[in-house]
Amino acid sequence: GQERFGNMTRVYYREAMGAFIVFDVTRPTTFEAVIKWKEDLDSKVMLANGHSIATVLLANKCDQGRELTNNGIKMDQFCKDHGFVGWFESSAKDNLNISEAANFLVKHIMATEND
């Protein structure tokens, strides 16, 4: 998260039906900001039915050897506790789980669109 853009987020969120929040597994401070970004998102955009938009958490830079596999259960619980629909380890550099995460988010949106 680029803190300097925090006051402009409403413009970018407008009419969104889903979102990704990404943190860098090599920089713990980016994970600490995840809740702030989720709260900001939830406070500024919602679906017509009043529900929060579907949000997927991406643990990026997993290509750099800091795998979260051992913490998978903790990540599952974190996502449940904070309203994420799921999470993926990802690498933008290696194109790892990017399509999978996008497909997951779109399928979730489509499945819940009529709720």
Protein backbone atom coordinates (compact mmCIF):
# COMPACT_ATOMS: atom_id res chain seq x y z
CA GLY A 1 0.00 0.00 0.00
CA GLN A 2 1.21 3.41 -0.96
CA GLU A 3 0.22 5.58 1.98
CA ARG A 4 0.42 8.75 -0.08
CA PHE A 5 -2.60 7.60 -2.11
CA GLY A 6 -4.79 6.86 0.92
CA ASN A 7 -6.89 10.00 0.54
CA MET A 8 -7.70 9.21 -3.11
CA THR A 9 -9.00 5.68 -2.66
CA ARG A 10 -12.72 6.45 -2.91
CA VAL A 11 -12.26 7.43 -6.57
CA TYR A 12 -10.54 4.14 -7.36
CA TYR A 13 -12.98 2.00 -5.39
CA ARG A 14 -16.14 3.45 -6.96
CA GLU A 15 -18.39 0.77 -8.49
CA ALA A 16 -15.89 -2.01 -7.74
CA MET A 17 -17.34 -5.48 -7.24
CA GLY A 18 -14.15 -7.09 -6.02
CA ALA A 19 -10.62 -6.23 -4.93
CA PHE A 20 -7.19 -7.59 -4.17
CA ILE A 21 -5.17 -6.41 -1.21
CA VAL A 22 -1.52 -7.32 -1.69
CA PHE A 23 1.28 -7.49 0.84
CA ASP A 24 4.97 -8.23 0.39
CA VAL A 25 6.03 -11.34 2.33
CA THR A 26 9.56 -9.91 2.57
CA ARG A 27 8.35 -6.73 4.33
CA PRO A 28 6.31 -7.37 7.51
CA THR A 29 5.11 -3.76 7.67
CA THR A 30 3.09 -4.33 4.50
CA PHE A 31 1.18 -7.14 6.25
CA GLU A 32 0.55 -4.84 9.20
CA ALA A 33 -1.16 -2.41 6.79
CA VAL A 34 -3.52 -5.06 5.36
CA ILE A 35 -6.24 -4.46 7.97
CA LYS A 36 -6.06 -0.70 7.40
CA TRP A 37 -6.56 -1.19 3.66
CA LYS A 38 -9.44 -3.63 4.22
CA GLU A 39 -11.18 -1.24 6.63
CA ASP A 40 -10.68 1.63 4.17
CA LEU A 41 -12.14 -0.45 1.35
CA ASP A 42 -15.12 -1.59 3.43
CA SER A 43 -15.86 1.96 4.59
CA LYS A 44 -15.88 3.44 1.09
CA VAL A 45 -17.52 0.89 -1.22
CA MET A 46 -20.21 -1.74 -0.88
CA LEU A 47 -22.50 -3.74 -3.09
CA ALA A 48 -26.07 -2.65 -3.84
CA ASN A 49 -27.28 -5.17 -1.23
CA GLY A 50 -25.16 -3.47 1.45
CA HIS A 51 -22.53 -6.21 1.69
CA SER A 52 -18.80 -5.61 1.45
CA ILE A 53 -17.22 -6.30 -1.91
CA ALA A 54 -15.35 -9.59 -2.29
CA THR A 55 -11.71 -9.13 -1.36
CA VAL A 56 -8.84 -11.57 -1.86
CA LEU A 57 -5.56 -11.25 0.04
CA LEU A 58 -2.38 -11.84 -1.96
CA ALA A 59 0.88 -12.75 -0.21
CA ASN A 60 3.23 -11.52 -2.93
CA LYS A 61 6.92 -12.27 -3.56
CA CYS A 62 6.63 -15.87 -2.41
CA ASP A 63 9.30 -16.58 -5.05
CA GLN A 64 11.83 -15.10 -2.62
CA GLY A 65 11.77 -18.11 -0.33
CA ARG A 66 9.54 -16.88 2.48
CA GLU A 67 6.72 -19.33 2.07
CA LEU A 68 3.63 -19.11 4.23
CA THR A 69 2.71 -22.77 3.84
CA ASN A 70 3.36 -23.50 7.52
CA ASN A 71 1.19 -20.53 8.42
CA GLY A 72 -1.65 -21.49 6.08
CA ILE A 73 -4.06 -22.22 8.91
CA LYS A 74 -3.25 -18.87 10.51
CA MET A 75 -3.79 -17.12 7.17
CA ASP A 76 -7.13 -18.91 6.70
CA GLN A 77 -8.23 -17.71 10.15
CA PHE A 78 -6.94 -14.18 9.52
CA CYS A 79 -8.96 -13.99 6.31
CA LYS A 80 -12.07 -15.31 8.03
CA ASP A 81 -11.67 -12.85 10.92
CA HIS A 82 -11.20 -9.85 8.63
CA GLY A 83 -13.71 -10.55 5.86
CA PHE A 84 -11.47 -11.75 3.04
CA VAL A 85 -13.03 -14.38 0.77
CA GLY A 86 -9.68 -16.13 0.36
CA TRP A 87 -5.93 -15.73 0.03
CA PHE A 88 -3.14 -16.87 -2.25
CA GLU A 89 0.63 -16.97 -2.12
CA SER A 90 1.68 -15.18 -5.28
CA SER A 91 4.60 -13.94 -7.32
CA ALA A 92 4.07 -11.21 -9.86
CA LYS A 93 7.64 -11.83 -11.04
CA ASP A 94 7.03 -15.52 -11.76
CA ASN A 95 3.33 -15.11 -12.62
CA LEU A 96 2.48 -17.54 -9.81
CA ASN A 97 -1.18 -17.76 -8.74
CA ILE A 98 -2.09 -14.49 -10.46
CA SER A 99 -4.62 -16.06 -12.85
CA GLU A 100 -5.79 -18.46 -10.14
CA ALA A 101 -6.49 -15.60 -7.74
CA ALA A 102 -8.27 -13.56 -10.41
CA ASN A 103 -10.40 -16.55 -11.44
CA PHE A 104 -11.23 -17.28 -7.81
CA LEU A 105 -12.34 -13.69 -7.24
CA VAL A 106 -14.46 -13.55 -10.41
CA LYS A 107 -16.12 -16.91 -9.62
CA HIS A 108 -16.89 -15.70 -6.10
CA ILE A 109 -18.41 -12.48 -7.43
CA MET A 110 -20.50 -14.37 -10.00
CA ALA A 111 -21.70 -16.91 -7.41
CA THR A 112 -22.83 -14.22 -4.99
CA GLU A 113 -24.10 -11.67 -7.50
CA ASN A 114 -27.74 -12.61 -6.97
CA ASP A 115 -27.62 -12.71 -3.17
